[in-house]
Amino acid sequence: MKMIIDGKAVDASDGAVIEVTNPANGKVIDTVPAATEGDVARAVEKAKQGQKKWALVPVHEKGDILLKFVDLVEENKEKLARTLSQETGKPITEARGEIANIPISFKGFVEKAKHLYGEVIPQGQEKNQEHHILLTVREPIGVVACVIPFNFPCDLFDQKVAPTLLAGNAAIVKPSTDNPLTLCMLTDLLVKAGVTDGAIEIVTGRGSQVGSWLCKNPDVHAITLTGSTEVGIQTYRNAADHLAHIALELGGNDAFIVNKDGDVDLAVEELIWGRMYNTGQVCCASKRFLVHNSLKESFTAKAVERIKKIKQGDPADESTQLGCLISEKAAIEVEKQVNLTVQQGGKIILGGKRNGAFYEPTVIADVPRTADVAKDMEIFGPVVPVIGFDTLEEAIEIANASKFGLCGCIFTADVKTAWKTAARLECGGVVINGASFFRSFEMPFGGYKYSGIGTEGVLSTFDEVTRTKTIVLKNII
């Protein structure tokens, strides 16, 4: 597969490629170009040129073009889903669900774009302003780098690319090196749908090189990145050198609190959705299971029995419910983290074994609050560490002790307790009686502390990809 620069499918200028493998079986699926620094510079220059033309396209026409893209996605949805499943290792059923999200998100952003109105500050709102009227309008920022991780590449393509384009910007997509193929296909479909040459591009290669070259380029005016906190901080530094606007959605170690009056059966069922989906590789997955000591034994036993029913296997198999991790390297890291948690006092009562990129769904009981996983160690895999507590105050204290603050959740039968907990948790989103893995396209999504800067969603992303200009009608009255 090739990159897209200036509306054309291109190889790297030196011909170098990177193999893309299926993590479930190690087989090579395809290759992508390993972009050179010159290739990235050319992509940015062409994006600058394309953006100026694309910005002149009326919003309603931009919307029609993106809706045509949605139609092309529908025509190619099975091919897209198969490619996504093969290169990512997620079950084919989950891959189809992610492709099915594209129409939902793009239509939502199109509708919002058509209602991005300015505001009027009438005369006389403050002293000495009796004769002036002030108007505000939204304008595009320019060239936007859309840096997308491996875990939900299509969902995050939707969240970043749709509003970026609708606001009149050019979008340069930088996909993960592990699974860039589906995003290359989607970018090509946007070109086919009629997006101006240069206004939508994709460059491929190692993030440490290509991503860095892209984000350091002074003609990249904004960066929207989803990824690890470490990469986010480095990208923030790169952006600061040329004052690029930046939005970051980073790591998380979400607390899943089951209070003494919580519904254990509901909590266990939500655990399956909130921790096992995408083999646990979710930023806002519940990762620390804080359970009242009076319910801990029951919760743990029921969790084990429920998780045992999950079928792990070949992602291409229609009956598979749990696939593999994105790579064997990722699975080895999960293995190390589980072993460390055991060394620090936890006890494996289910799973705990790795086979290549596959890691068994794992439950670790009796994890002390002093363990790394109870605070800042984010396990990106299907692992359930159970930590007991005696009072809700203690649970909130444990939850807030983490440097992360993406999302959280509370299971309780009392609405006052629910609201009190939601108000006191130091995170960007709280789910009541459900796992923290919850994200609609409409809602603003983002974290506190080391979990990021800014939010994404139909309600808020346009604030990240536009500038506000004030036009003064001086002495008009």
Foldseek 3Di string as FASTA:
>chain_A
DAWAAQLDGDAAPVNAWDFAFQQFPRHTDDIYHAHDLVNLVRLLVLLQVLLVVLLPDDLVVLLQLLVLLLVVCVVCVLVLLVLLCRLFFAASVVSSVLSVCLVVLLVLLSVLLVVPAKDKDDAPPDPPRNQKIKIKDWAFQEEEEEEAESQRRSNSCSQPVNLLSSRSYAYEYEYAQSRCVSVSVSLSSSSVSPRRGSSYIYDYHHCVRSVLSNLLDLSHQEYEHEEALVVVVVSVVSCVVNVHFYWYFHAAAAEEEEDPAFDLVLSLVLLCVQQCHSQRQDRQRHHEYEYAPVCQVVSLVVNQVVLVPAAEDRSHDNRHDHTFGSFLVLVVVLLVLVVQQVVQPWAWPDFSDDDGRHGRQTETEPRELPGCSLAEDGRRGNYYYYYYDHDVVVSLVSQQNHQWAFEYEYGHPDPVVRVVSQVSRQWDYYYYSHTSPDDDQADWGHIPGSRIDGTTHSPGVNVSGIDMDMDMPGSND
